[in-house]
Amino acid sequence: MDLDDVLQLLGAHGRFQVIAWAIIATANNFPSVMHMNIMTFMGFEPNHHCKIPDNSTLNESIPVELKNGLIEVDKCHRYETFYSNDTTIGSRSLVGCDNGWTYDRDPITSSIVTEWNLVCKDNFLPEMSLTILNVGVMVGAVLFGFLSDKYGRKKVLFGCVAAQAVVGGLLSLSVNIYMFICLRFIIGMLEQGVNITGFIMAMELFPPKERVPFGIIHEVFWAIGAVLLGFYAYLFRDWRHLQLIVSLPVILILPMLWFIPESLVWLISKGRLREAERIIQKAAKWNKVKLPMNILSESKGDTIEMLGKIKEKENIEKERIYTAIDLFRTPVTRRVTICLSFLWLVNIMVYYGLSLNTPNFQGDMYLNYFILQIIEVPALIITYFLIFRIGRRWPLCATHVFGGVACVITPFIPMATSSGIDISWISITMAMLGKFGITASFTILFIYGPEIYPTVIRNTGSGFGSMWGRLGGILYPYIIYFNKVEQLGDFRTYMPMVILGVLSIVAGFLALPLPETNNRPLPETINDLEHYEEFCKMHSKLNNENANI
């Protein structure tokens, strides 16, 4: 019997699958989202100025400038001073902060910025650590994708969760920024071993028709983990304590992972049918469903036949090896690849860029972060109805454009009206709507992208799009870095959100040349995609003929 039929007989919402899915969703979402977003707090740069010499006063030592009615303090220079008859005399020449810096300890008492003085000429290092993290994510996607296919999903997931807890704990003991960056690279690698492997395992628990709804609900755990990080950050204002509390409790999840079965899809693909049978019978017992023994292969002959089919499929795949070059060989496939690659690049860039930019929004940082994360839950719920009722293409376009427009508007909203009425809440509302749009578009893209590519290059196309998404992860820290570039003047406060918003709008319109896949057959060959409308009509005609037989 086919595995999908067996999963259906077990019950699409059976207790065994749902419990296993919930454990996996917790294990792979909570630590991953926390490690990806934690730099919002650990890399926080507070207000600061040069530490003033003894016997000097602040107004004598630190240059200030009046801009738009606000006093702006020079963060990287002070007036040179010299001493004569125990009296401090101010000279007008400027020097760097040779005595160090004085930091505002509210709202965060200690970050990597304040501990290692990552300001002024070194203020790019927190963003570099994020870039290196995302380089690690790219490496981990390739490495752990290979390992999970070769050695099994469960081993990779269990090993990466345990390693992530250990490396996360070591990260809190970093003695300098360079040790910190190296360990963050490893965290990025392990994040993919946890996140991608866990997601695949979770989806392989269910028959095909149930994978989309459970996949969307699976992302709710990501949003909950992000909100939980904000709660931890509010309680633990020292970056080392925050890093520990994010890392070590994950160890409590490890005993629960013993309950998780190895992927049935993987076991069958490796010809390990007896192990698959044992898991199926265990699930049936949990679900109080009676299934015949050896349901995958009712006789020795069936087992041999199934193993023969597996070998035959492997031989066929070896005869024709598809590569990334096939993504560009033909016109329609090339157009799909270019559009999806740009969509992935921009989507990841905007999604993480909004979280990292939270401290630069008006109002309380913790409240803003909470709102920007909790908005993902309604975004996911609405997305679920959009993709089934309207389709994939138009909602993807609309949510990208909607989120982009909201991002562009956000930095231009003043804190108060000319009469003094506080309207800063409008700014965070617009940022919230931007996060709503980009979360919805991310969810659609996650489902829609693999559907477009034909079976023969589906994994290749999905991996290629993911690679561009990771490139977006590498770039977004430097877009937010514009906030620190003093030479840009007032433009530095506008540029990050405007750039993210404009890119999101452009990406939205690039969804329109893509084919709609809702309630339509998935293409199997490149030729099917090149003549997709004809393929869909032929498929519909065959289904009608079979129904009449």
Protein backbone atom coordinates (compact mmCIF):
# COMPACT_ATOMS: atom_id res chain seq x y z
CA MET A 1 0.00 0.00 0.00
CA ASP A 2 1.19 3.54 -0.76
CA LEU A 3 2.49 5.54 2.23
CA ASP A 4 0.06 8.41 1.64
CA ASP A 5 -2.82 5.92 1.83
CA VAL A 6 -1.40 4.52 5.08
CA LEU A 7 -1.12 8.01 6.59
CA GLN A 8 -4.74 8.63 5.64
CA LEU A 9 -5.83 5.37 7.33
CA LEU A 10 -3.92 6.36 10.47
CA GLY A 11 -6.06 9.49 10.63
CA ALA A 12 -5.02 12.85 9.25
CA HIS A 13 -5.29 14.36 12.74
CA GLY A 14 -4.29 11.29 14.73
CA ARG A 15 -3.00 11.76 18.27
CA PHE A 16 0.41 10.24 17.48
CA GLN A 17 1.08 12.57 14.54
CA VAL A 18 -0.23 15.70 16.27
CA ILE A 19 1.87 15.15 19.42
CA ALA A 20 4.99 14.41 17.35
CA TRP A 21 4.30 17.46 15.19
CA ALA A 22 3.86 19.73 18.24
CA ILE A 23 7.16 18.56 19.78
CA ILE A 24 9.02 19.08 16.50
CA ALA A 25 7.41 22.49 15.96
CA THR A 26 8.54 23.58 19.43
CA ALA A 27 12.06 22.14 19.07
CA ASN A 28 12.80 23.65 15.69
CA ASN A 29 11.00 27.00 15.94
CA PHE A 30 11.68 28.34 19.43
CA PRO A 31 15.51 28.17 19.45
CA SER A 32 15.79 29.10 15.77
CA VAL A 33 13.74 32.29 15.91
CA MET A 34 15.39 33.37 19.15
CA HIS A 35 18.90 33.00 17.79
CA MET A 36 17.91 34.75 14.55
CA ASN A 37 16.29 37.75 16.30
CA ILE A 38 18.35 38.07 19.47
CA MET A 39 20.70 40.69 17.99
CA THR A 40 17.82 43.17 18.23
CA PHE A 41 18.70 43.24 21.93
CA MET A 42 22.28 41.92 22.17
CA GLY A 43 23.50 44.29 19.48
CA PHE A 44 21.61 47.33 20.83
CA GLU A 45 23.55 50.58 20.58
CA PRO A 46 22.45 52.98 23.36
CA ASN A 47 23.02 56.71 23.49
CA HIS A 48 26.66 57.39 24.31
CA HIS A 49 29.37 60.01 24.32
CA CYS A 50 33.09 60.18 25.01
CA LYS A 51 34.12 59.61 28.61
CA ILE A 52 35.20 63.03 29.83
CA PRO A 53 38.53 63.64 31.60
CA ASP A 54 38.68 64.26 35.31
CA ASN A 55 38.03 67.85 36.41
CA SER A 56 35.97 68.46 33.25
CA THR A 57 32.28 68.99 32.78
CA LEU A 58 30.05 67.49 30.14
CA ASN A 59 29.11 70.76 28.46
CA GLU A 60 32.78 71.79 28.25
CA SER A 61 33.97 68.51 26.76
CA ILE A 62 31.32 67.15 24.37
CA PRO A 63 30.36 68.98 21.13
CA VAL A 64 26.63 69.36 20.54
CA GLU A 65 24.63 70.53 17.56
CA LEU A 66 21.06 71.75 17.26
CA LYS A 67 19.13 69.89 14.52
CA ASN A 68 15.43 70.35 13.89
CA GLY A 69 15.00 71.80 17.35
CA LEU A 70 16.74 68.83 18.99
CA ILE A 71 20.16 68.74 20.61
CA GLU A 72 22.37 66.12 18.98
CA VAL A 73 25.45 65.00 20.92
CA ASP A 74 28.68 64.08 19.13
CA LYS A 75 29.15 60.39 19.93
CA CYS A 76 32.70 59.96 18.66
CA HIS A 77 34.61 63.15 19.53
CA ARG A 78 35.35 65.46 22.43
CA TYR A 79 37.20 68.74 22.81
CA GLU A 80 40.86 68.37 23.59
CA THR A 81 41.75 69.68 27.04
CA PHE A 82 44.94 70.57 28.83
CA TYR A 83 45.68 71.46 32.41
CA SER A 84 47.23 74.63 33.82
CA ASN A 85 47.40 75.41 37.55
CA ASP A 86 44.88 72.63 38.29
CA THR A 87 42.36 74.30 36.03
CA THR A 88 40.83 72.61 33.00
CA ILE A 89 40.96 74.82 29.95
CA GLY A 90 38.97 73.80 26.88
CA SER A 91 40.62 73.89 23.49
CA ARG A 92 38.43 73.91 20.40
CA SER A 93 40.32 71.13 18.59
CA LEU A 94 38.56 67.75 18.46
CA VAL A 95 40.00 64.36 19.41
CA GLY A 96 38.59 60.85 19.48
CA CYS A 97 37.26 59.08 22.53
CA ASP A 98 40.69 58.03 23.78
CA ASN A 99 39.37 57.52 27.33
CA GLY A 100 36.50 55.30 26.22
CA TRP A 101 32.77 55.99 26.26
CA THR A 102 29.95 56.58 28.69
CA TYR A 103 26.74 54.70 27.84
CA ASP A 104 23.11 55.19 28.70
CA ARG A 105 22.16 52.00 30.59
CA ASP A 106 18.45 52.27 29.89
CA PRO A 107 16.64 50.23 28.60
CA ILE A 108 19.47 47.66 28.21
CA THR A 109 22.12 47.46 30.90
CA SER A 110 24.66 45.54 28.84
CA SER A 111 24.97 44.64 25.15
CA ILE A 112 27.93 43.51 23.07
CA VAL A 113 28.17 47.14 21.96
CA THR A 114 28.67 48.52 25.47
CA GLU A 115 30.93 45.65 26.60
CA TRP A 116 33.36 45.78 23.68
CA ASN A 117 32.87 49.45 22.66
CA LEU A 118 31.52 48.61 19.22
CA VAL A 119 30.80 52.22 18.33
CA CYS A 120 32.22 54.87 16.01
CA LYS A 121 34.83 53.22 13.77
CA ASP A 122 33.85 49.75 15.07
CA ASN A 123 30.09 50.23 14.87
CA PHE A 124 29.82 47.94 11.83
CA LEU A 125 30.87 44.84 13.81
CA PRO A 126 27.41 43.99 15.23
CA GLU A 127 26.04 44.02 11.67
CA MET A 128 29.01 41.93 10.53
CA SER A 129 28.16 39.32 13.16
CA LEU A 130 24.67 39.09 11.65
CA THR A 131 26.12 38.72 8.17
CA ILE A 132 28.42 35.92 9.34
CA LEU A 133 25.45 34.24 11.04
CA ASN A 134 23.61 34.19 7.72
CA VAL A 135 26.68 32.88 5.90
CA GLY A 136 26.54 30.04 8.42
CA VAL A 137 22.86 29.57 7.58
CA MET A 138 23.76 29.18 3.88
CA VAL A 139 26.46 26.62 4.68
CA GLY A 140 24.18 24.77 7.09
CA ALA A 141 21.37 24.54 4.52
CA VAL A 142 23.65 22.59 2.17
CA LEU A 143 25.47 20.56 4.83
CA PHE A 144 22.54 19.43 6.93
CA GLY A 145 20.30 18.92 3.92
CA PHE A 146 22.84 16.37 2.71
CA LEU A 147 23.32 14.79 6.14
CA SER A 148 19.57 14.44 6.80
CA ASP A 149 19.11 12.72 3.44
CA LYS A 150 22.04 10.38 4.09
CA TYR A 151 21.79 9.57 7.81
CA GLY A 152 18.17 10.34 8.65
CA ARG A 153 16.10 13.30 9.81
CA LYS A 154 15.89 12.37 13.49
CA LYS A 155 19.63 12.05 14.08
CA VAL A 156 20.34 15.41 12.47
CA LEU A 157 17.52 17.19 14.34
CA PHE A 158 18.49 15.70 17.71
CA GLY A 159 22.20 16.40 17.20
CA CYS A 160 21.67 19.99 16.04
CA VAL A 161 19.29 20.86 18.90
CA ALA A 162 21.82 19.55 21.44
CA ALA A 163 24.77 21.26 19.73
CA GLN A 164 22.84 24.53 19.46
CA ALA A 165 22.27 24.54 23.23
CA VAL A 166 25.97 23.90 23.91
CA VAL A 167 27.28 26.47 21.42
CA GLY A 168 24.67 29.00 22.59
CA GLY A 169 25.93 28.54 26.16
CA LEU A 170 29.54 29.02 25.03
CA LEU A 171 28.47 32.15 23.16
CA SER A 172 27.50 33.79 26.44
CA LEU A 173 31.12 33.29 27.60
CA SER A 174 32.67 35.08 24.61
CA VAL A 175 35.74 37.10 25.57
CA ASN A 176 35.77 39.34 22.49
CA ILE A 177 33.78 40.16 19.37
CA TYR A 178 35.82 37.79 17.19
CA MET A 179 35.03 34.75 19.35
CA PHE A 180 31.42 35.94 19.36
CA ILE A 181 31.32 36.14 15.54
CA CYS A 182 32.85 32.67 15.09
CA LEU A 183 30.34 31.06 17.45
CA ARG A 184 27.48 32.91 15.75
CA PHE A 185 28.60 31.35 12.47
CA ILE A 186 28.22 27.90 14.04
CA ILE A 187 24.83 28.87 15.48
CA GLY A 188 23.73 29.86 11.96
CA MET A 189 24.80 26.49 10.57
CA LEU A 190 23.00 24.59 13.31
CA GLU A 191 19.87 26.72 12.85
CA GLN A 192 19.37 25.15 9.44
CA GLY A 193 19.95 21.66 10.81
CA VAL A 194 17.21 22.35 13.33
CA ASN A 195 14.80 24.43 11.25
CA ILE A 196 14.77 22.81 7.82
CA THR A 197 15.14 19.23 9.06
CA GLY A 198 12.44 19.78 11.67
CA PHE A 199 10.03 21.32 9.20
CA ILE A 200 10.49 18.45 6.74
CA MET A 201 9.97 15.88 9.51
CA ALA A 202 6.84 17.65 10.68
CA MET A 203 5.32 17.78 7.19
CA GLU A 204 6.17 14.14 6.43
CA LEU A 205 3.93 13.07 9.32
CA PHE A 206 0.80 13.94 7.35
CA PRO A 207 -0.81 13.01 4.03
CA PRO A 208 -0.32 15.62 1.24
CA LYS A 209 -3.69 17.39 1.66
CA GLU A 210 -2.98 18.12 5.34
CA ARG A 211 0.52 19.48 4.88
CA VAL A 212 -0.46 23.04 3.91
CA PRO A 213 -2.70 23.76 6.95
CA PHE A 214 -0.27 22.09 9.35
CA GLY A 215 2.60 23.93 7.65
CA ILE A 216 0.92 27.28 8.27
CA ILE A 217 0.07 26.43 11.88
CA HIS A 218 3.68 25.29 12.24
CA GLU A 219 4.75 28.89 11.53
CA VAL A 220 2.61 30.09 14.46
CA PHE A 221 5.16 28.41 16.73
CA TRP A 222 7.81 30.63 15.12
CA ALA A 223 5.78 33.73 16.02
CA ILE A 224 5.25 32.48 19.59
CA GLY A 225 8.99 31.87 19.95
CA ALA A 226 9.70 35.41 18.74
CA VAL A 227 7.26 36.85 21.28
CA LEU A 228 8.84 34.73 24.02
CA LEU A 229 12.25 36.19 23.14
CA GLY A 230 10.84 39.69 23.76
CA PHE A 231 9.59 38.56 27.18
CA TYR A 232 13.02 37.14 28.05
CA ALA A 233 14.75 40.31 26.82
CA TYR A 234 12.47 42.44 29.00
CA LEU A 235 13.39 40.40 32.08
CA PHE A 236 17.10 39.92 31.33
CA ARG A 237 18.71 43.21 30.29
CA ASP A 238 22.29 41.83 30.28
CA TRP A 239 23.20 40.19 26.96
CA ARG A 240 25.08 37.27 28.55
CA HIS A 241 22.11 36.37 30.75
CA LEU A 242 19.75 36.67 27.78
CA GLN A 243 21.94 34.42 25.64
CA LEU A 244 22.00 31.78 28.39
CA ILE A 245 18.24 31.82 28.94
CA VAL A 246 17.66 31.42 25.20
CA SER A 247 20.12 28.52 24.87
CA LEU A 248 20.09 26.27 27.92
CA PRO A 249 16.33 25.58 28.41
CA VAL A 250 16.37 23.94 24.96
CA ILE A 251 18.04 20.96 26.65
CA LEU A 252 14.66 20.22 28.26
CA ILE A 253 13.28 19.48 24.79
CA LEU A 254 15.82 16.70 24.10
CA PRO A 255 14.06 13.96 26.14
CA MET A 256 10.83 14.66 24.25
CA LEU A 257 12.61 14.15 20.92
CA TRP A 258 13.07 10.47 21.79
CA PHE A 259 9.32 10.12 21.22
CA ILE A 260 9.64 11.41 17.67
CA PRO A 261 9.80 8.68 15.04
CA GLU A 262 12.19 8.70 12.14
CA SER A 263 10.62 9.98 8.94
CA LEU A 264 8.62 7.23 7.23
CA VAL A 265 9.35 8.84 3.87
CA TRP A 266 13.09 8.63 4.54
CA LEU A 267 12.94 5.04 5.84
CA ILE A 268 11.02 3.83 2.80
CA SER A 269 13.33 5.69 0.43
CA LYS A 270 16.22 3.74 2.03
CA GLY A 271 14.37 0.42 1.79
CA ARG A 272 14.06 0.08 5.59
CA LEU A 273 10.50 -1.17 5.44
CA ARG A 274 10.51 -3.17 8.68
CA GLU A 275 11.38 -0.09 10.71
CA ALA A 276 8.67 1.86 8.89
CA GLU A 277 6.16 -0.91 9.67
CA ARG A 278 6.99 -0.79 13.39
CA ILE A 279 6.44 2.98 13.50
CA ILE A 280 3.14 2.65 11.65
CA GLN A 281 1.90 0.00 14.11
CA LYS A 282 2.98 2.16 17.06
CA ALA A 283 1.09 5.13 15.60
CA ALA A 284 -1.97 2.97 14.99
CA LYS A 285 -1.94 1.88 18.63
CA TRP A 286 -1.73 5.48 19.82
CA ASN A 287 -4.51 6.52 17.46
CA LYS A 288 -6.65 3.49 18.39
CA VAL A 289 -6.78 2.42 14.76
CA LYS A 290 -6.53 -1.21 13.63
CA LEU A 291 -4.27 -1.79 10.66
CA PRO A 292 -3.16 -5.10 9.16
CA MET A 293 0.40 -6.18 9.87
CA ASN A 294 2.91 -5.47 7.09
CA ILE A 295 0.55 -2.90 5.59
CA LEU A 296 3.26 -1.45 3.37
CA SER A 297 4.04 -4.90 1.94
CA GLU A 298 1.66 -7.73 2.74
CA SER A 299 4.02 -10.44 1.54
CA LYS A 300 7.67 -11.08 0.90
CA GLY A 301 6.99 -10.71 -2.80
CA ASP A 302 5.48 -7.24 -2.25
CA THR A 303 8.53 -6.25 -0.24
CA ILE A 304 10.86 -7.31 -3.01
CA GLU A 305 8.66 -5.50 -5.54
CA MET A 306 8.68 -2.29 -3.48
CA LEU A 307 12.46 -2.44 -3.01
CA GLY A 308 12.76 -3.02 -6.75
CA LYS A 309 10.72 0.12 -7.43
CA ILE A 310 12.96 2.13 -5.12
CA LYS A 311 16.07 0.92 -6.94
CA GLU A 312 14.42 1.52 -10.32
CA LYS A 313 13.56 5.10 -9.33
CA GLU A 314 17.15 5.69 -8.17
CA ASN A 315 18.49 4.36 -11.49
CA ILE A 316 16.14 6.58 -13.50
CA GLU A 317 17.23 9.63 -11.50
CA LYS A 318 20.87 8.76 -12.17
CA GLU A 319 20.25 8.58 -15.90
CA ARG A 320 19.10 12.20 -16.08
CA ILE A 321 20.68 14.48 -13.53
CA TYR A 322 19.14 17.94 -13.36
CA THR A 323 21.22 20.87 -12.17
CA ALA A 324 20.76 24.58 -11.48
CA ILE A 325 21.51 25.22 -15.16
CA ASP A 326 18.14 23.65 -16.01
CA LEU A 327 16.48 26.49 -14.09
CA PHE A 328 17.56 28.84 -16.90
CA ARG A 329 17.48 26.69 -20.06
CA THR A 330 13.93 27.47 -21.18
CA PRO A 331 11.98 30.77 -21.28
CA VAL A 332 9.17 30.12 -18.77
CA THR A 333 11.41 28.29 -16.30
CA ARG A 334 13.95 31.10 -16.56
CA ARG A 335 11.28 33.73 -15.88
CA VAL A 336 9.97 31.77 -12.90
CA THR A 337 13.48 31.37 -11.47
CA ILE A 338 14.36 35.06 -11.80
CA CYS A 339 11.07 36.25 -10.26
CA LEU A 340 11.13 33.76 -7.38
CA SER A 341 14.79 34.46 -6.63
CA PHE A 342 14.14 38.18 -6.29
CA LEU A 343 11.04 37.52 -4.20
CA TRP A 344 13.02 35.33 -1.80
CA LEU A 345 15.87 37.85 -1.62
CA VAL A 346 13.57 40.75 -0.75
CA ASN A 347 11.22 38.80 1.50
CA ILE A 348 13.94 37.60 3.88
CA MET A 349 15.59 41.02 3.76
CA VAL A 350 12.42 42.88 4.78
CA TYR A 351 11.23 40.27 7.29
CA TYR A 352 14.41 40.30 9.38
CA GLY A 353 15.17 43.94 8.65
CA LEU A 354 11.97 45.03 10.38
CA SER A 355 12.84 43.08 13.54
CA LEU A 356 16.41 44.40 13.66
CA ASN A 357 15.19 47.96 13.11
CA THR A 358 12.83 47.81 16.11
CA PRO A 359 15.05 49.94 18.43
CA ASN A 360 14.93 52.76 15.84
CA PHE A 361 11.13 53.00 15.88
CA GLN A 362 9.36 55.59 18.00
CA GLY A 363 8.14 54.49 21.41
CA ASP A 364 9.09 51.70 23.81
CA MET A 365 11.44 49.15 22.22
CA TYR A 366 9.98 46.12 24.01
CA LEU A 367 6.38 47.02 23.25
CA ASN A 368 7.25 47.69 19.61
CA TYR A 369 9.04 44.35 19.32
CA PHE A 370 6.10 42.52 20.91
CA ILE A 371 3.62 44.12 18.50
CA LEU A 372 5.79 43.39 15.45
CA GLN A 373 6.02 39.71 16.41
CA ILE A 374 2.47 39.02 17.61
CA ILE A 375 1.07 40.50 14.39
CA GLU A 376 2.40 37.41 12.63
CA VAL A 377 -0.36 35.24 14.14
CA PRO A 378 -3.32 37.02 12.47
CA ALA A 379 -1.21 37.36 9.32
CA LEU A 380 -0.80 33.58 9.18
CA ILE A 381 -4.50 32.96 9.84
CA ILE A 382 -5.62 35.37 7.11
CA THR A 383 -3.05 33.92 4.72
CA TYR A 384 -4.56 30.47 5.18
CA PHE A 385 -7.92 31.67 3.86
CA LEU A 386 -6.40 33.82 1.12
CA ILE A 387 -4.41 31.08 -0.57
CA PHE A 388 -7.37 28.70 -0.75
CA ARG A 389 -10.08 31.18 -1.66
CA ILE A 390 -8.21 33.54 -3.98
CA GLY A 391 -5.06 31.68 -4.93
CA ARG A 392 -1.34 32.24 -4.60
CA ARG A 393 -0.23 34.79 -7.18
CA TRP A 394 -2.48 37.80 -6.50
CA PRO A 395 -2.29 37.52 -2.67
CA LEU A 396 1.52 37.30 -2.95
CA CYS A 397 1.57 40.47 -5.04
CA ALA A 398 -0.92 42.30 -2.81
CA THR A 399 0.75 41.45 0.51
CA HIS A 400 4.20 42.44 -0.76
CA VAL A 401 2.93 45.78 -2.09
CA PHE A 402 0.83 46.42 1.02
CA GLY A 403 3.77 45.71 3.33
CA GLY A 404 6.11 47.78 1.18
CA VAL A 405 3.87 50.86 1.17
CA ALA A 406 3.50 50.65 4.95
CA CYS A 407 7.29 50.48 5.36
CA VAL A 408 7.84 53.54 3.14
CA ILE A 409 5.31 55.62 5.09
CA THR A 410 6.59 54.64 8.57
CA PRO A 411 9.70 56.89 8.96
CA PHE A 412 7.93 60.03 7.70
CA ILE A 413 5.33 60.09 10.46
CA PRO A 414 6.24 62.71 13.12
CA MET A 415 6.09 61.99 16.83
CA ALA A 416 3.61 64.82 17.44
CA THR A 417 1.41 67.27 15.59
CA SER A 418 2.14 70.99 15.44
CA SER A 419 -0.24 71.45 18.37
CA GLY A 420 1.73 68.93 20.48
CA ILE A 421 -0.61 65.92 20.22
CA ASP A 422 1.35 62.65 20.42
CA ILE A 423 0.84 60.60 17.23
CA SER A 424 3.88 58.32 17.53
CA TRP A 425 1.46 55.37 17.71
CA ILE A 426 0.73 55.87 14.00
CA SER A 427 4.35 55.13 13.16
CA ILE A 428 4.45 51.79 14.98
CA THR A 429 1.04 50.94 13.50
CA MET A 430 2.42 51.39 10.00
CA ALA A 431 5.50 49.31 10.86
CA MET A 432 3.15 46.67 12.25
CA LEU A 433 1.19 46.65 8.98
CA GLY A 434 4.48 46.30 7.11
CA LYS A 435 5.34 43.23 9.19
CA PHE A 436 1.82 41.89 8.65
CA GLY A 437 2.23 42.13 4.87
CA ILE A 438 5.71 40.63 4.72
CA THR A 439 4.75 37.74 7.05
CA ALA A 440 1.76 36.92 4.87
CA SER A 441 3.87 37.09 1.70
CA PHE A 442 6.56 34.91 3.26
CA THR A 443 4.00 32.22 4.09
CA ILE A 444 2.53 32.30 0.59
CA LEU A 445 5.98 32.16 -0.99
CA PHE A 446 6.97 29.21 1.20
CA ILE A 447 4.02 27.22 -0.16
CA TYR A 448 3.83 28.68 -3.67
CA GLY A 449 7.51 28.47 -4.65
CA PRO A 450 7.86 24.68 -4.63
CA GLU A 451 4.46 24.26 -6.34
CA ILE A 452 5.56 26.16 -9.45
CA TYR A 453 8.65 24.12 -10.25
CA PRO A 454 8.15 20.77 -11.99
CA THR A 455 8.94 17.61 -10.05
CA VAL A 456 12.26 16.99 -11.82
CA ILE A 457 13.74 20.29 -10.60
CA ARG A 458 11.53 21.05 -7.59
CA ASN A 459 14.22 20.49 -4.96
CA THR A 460 16.82 22.27 -7.10
CA GLY A 461 14.54 25.26 -7.63
CA SER A 462 13.54 25.44 -3.97
CA GLY A 463 17.17 25.26 -2.89
CA PHE A 464 18.14 27.96 -5.39
CA GLY A 465 15.40 30.26 -4.08
CA SER A 466 16.44 29.55 -0.50
CA MET A 467 20.02 30.50 -1.42
CA TRP A 468 18.82 33.92 -2.62
CA GLY A 469 16.80 34.26 0.57
CA ARG A 470 19.96 33.67 2.57
CA LEU A 471 21.70 36.34 0.47
CA GLY A 472 18.94 38.68 1.63
CA GLY A 473 19.80 37.62 5.18
CA ILE A 474 23.41 38.62 4.56
CA LEU A 475 22.46 42.03 3.16
CA TYR A 476 19.72 43.29 5.48
CA PRO A 477 22.03 44.19 8.42
CA TYR A 478 23.81 46.70 6.21
CA ILE A 479 20.54 48.33 5.16
CA ILE A 480 19.71 48.87 8.84
CA TYR A 481 23.31 50.08 9.31
CA PHE A 482 22.37 53.28 7.44
CA ASN A 483 20.88 54.42 10.77
CA LYS A 484 24.44 54.70 12.09
CA VAL A 485 25.99 56.60 9.18
CA GLU A 486 26.24 60.14 10.56
CA GLN A 487 27.39 61.54 7.18
CA LEU A 488 23.90 60.93 5.76
CA GLY A 489 22.40 63.47 8.13
CA ASP A 490 18.64 63.27 8.52
CA PHE A 491 18.38 60.84 5.60
CA ARG A 492 19.87 58.06 7.69
CA THR A 493 16.65 57.75 9.70
CA TYR A 494 14.56 57.34 6.55
CA MET A 495 16.73 55.20 4.32
CA PRO A 496 16.38 51.71 5.87
CA MET A 497 12.58 51.63 5.82
CA VAL A 498 12.34 53.35 2.44
CA ILE A 499 14.78 50.90 0.85
CA LEU A 500 13.01 47.89 2.36
CA GLY A 501 9.61 49.26 1.34
CA VAL A 502 10.53 50.06 -2.26
CA LEU A 503 12.15 46.66 -2.75
CA SER A 504 9.04 44.97 -1.34
CA ILE A 505 6.77 46.86 -3.76
CA VAL A 506 8.94 45.92 -6.74
CA ALA A 507 9.03 42.28 -5.61
CA GLY A 508 5.23 42.26 -5.34
CA PHE A 509 4.79 43.11 -9.01
CA LEU A 510 7.26 40.37 -9.96
CA ALA A 511 4.73 37.85 -8.66
CA LEU A 512 2.35 38.68 -11.51
CA PRO A 513 4.27 36.94 -14.34
CA LEU A 514 4.14 33.67 -12.37
CA PRO A 515 1.53 30.96 -13.10
CA GLU A 516 -1.32 30.34 -10.65
CA THR A 517 -1.16 26.90 -8.99
CA ASN A 518 -4.21 26.88 -6.70
CA ASN A 519 -6.42 23.83 -7.42
CA ARG A 520 -4.25 22.99 -10.41
CA PRO A 521 -1.98 19.98 -11.03
CA LEU A 522 1.69 20.32 -10.23
CA PRO A 523 3.92 20.15 -13.32
CA GLU A 524 6.09 17.05 -13.53
CA THR A 525 8.51 17.96 -16.33
CA ILE A 526 10.07 21.17 -17.58
CA ASN A 527 7.92 20.87 -20.70
CA ASP A 528 4.80 20.81 -18.50
CA LEU A 529 5.82 24.17 -17.01
CA GLU A 530 6.71 25.63 -20.41
CA HIS A 531 3.17 24.80 -21.65
CA TYR A 532 1.44 25.01 -18.29
CA GLU A 533 -2.04 26.02 -19.50
CA GLU A 534 -2.12 23.16 -22.02
CA PHE A 535 -0.82 20.78 -19.34
CA CYS A 536 -3.61 21.80 -16.94
CA LYS A 537 -6.28 21.40 -19.63
CA MET A 538 -4.97 17.97 -20.60
CA HIS A 539 -4.82 16.90 -16.97
CA SER A 540 -8.41 18.08 -16.41
CA LYS A 541 -9.57 16.25 -19.54
CA LEU A 542 -7.96 12.99 -18.42
CA ASN A 543 -9.54 13.29 -14.99
CA ASN A 544 -12.98 13.80 -16.56
CA GLU A 545 -12.51 10.79 -18.83
CA ASN A 546 -11.43 8.62 -15.90
CA ALA A 547 -14.45 9.77 -13.90
CA ASN A 548 -16.78 8.70 -16.72
CA ILE A 549 -15.28 5.22 -17.01
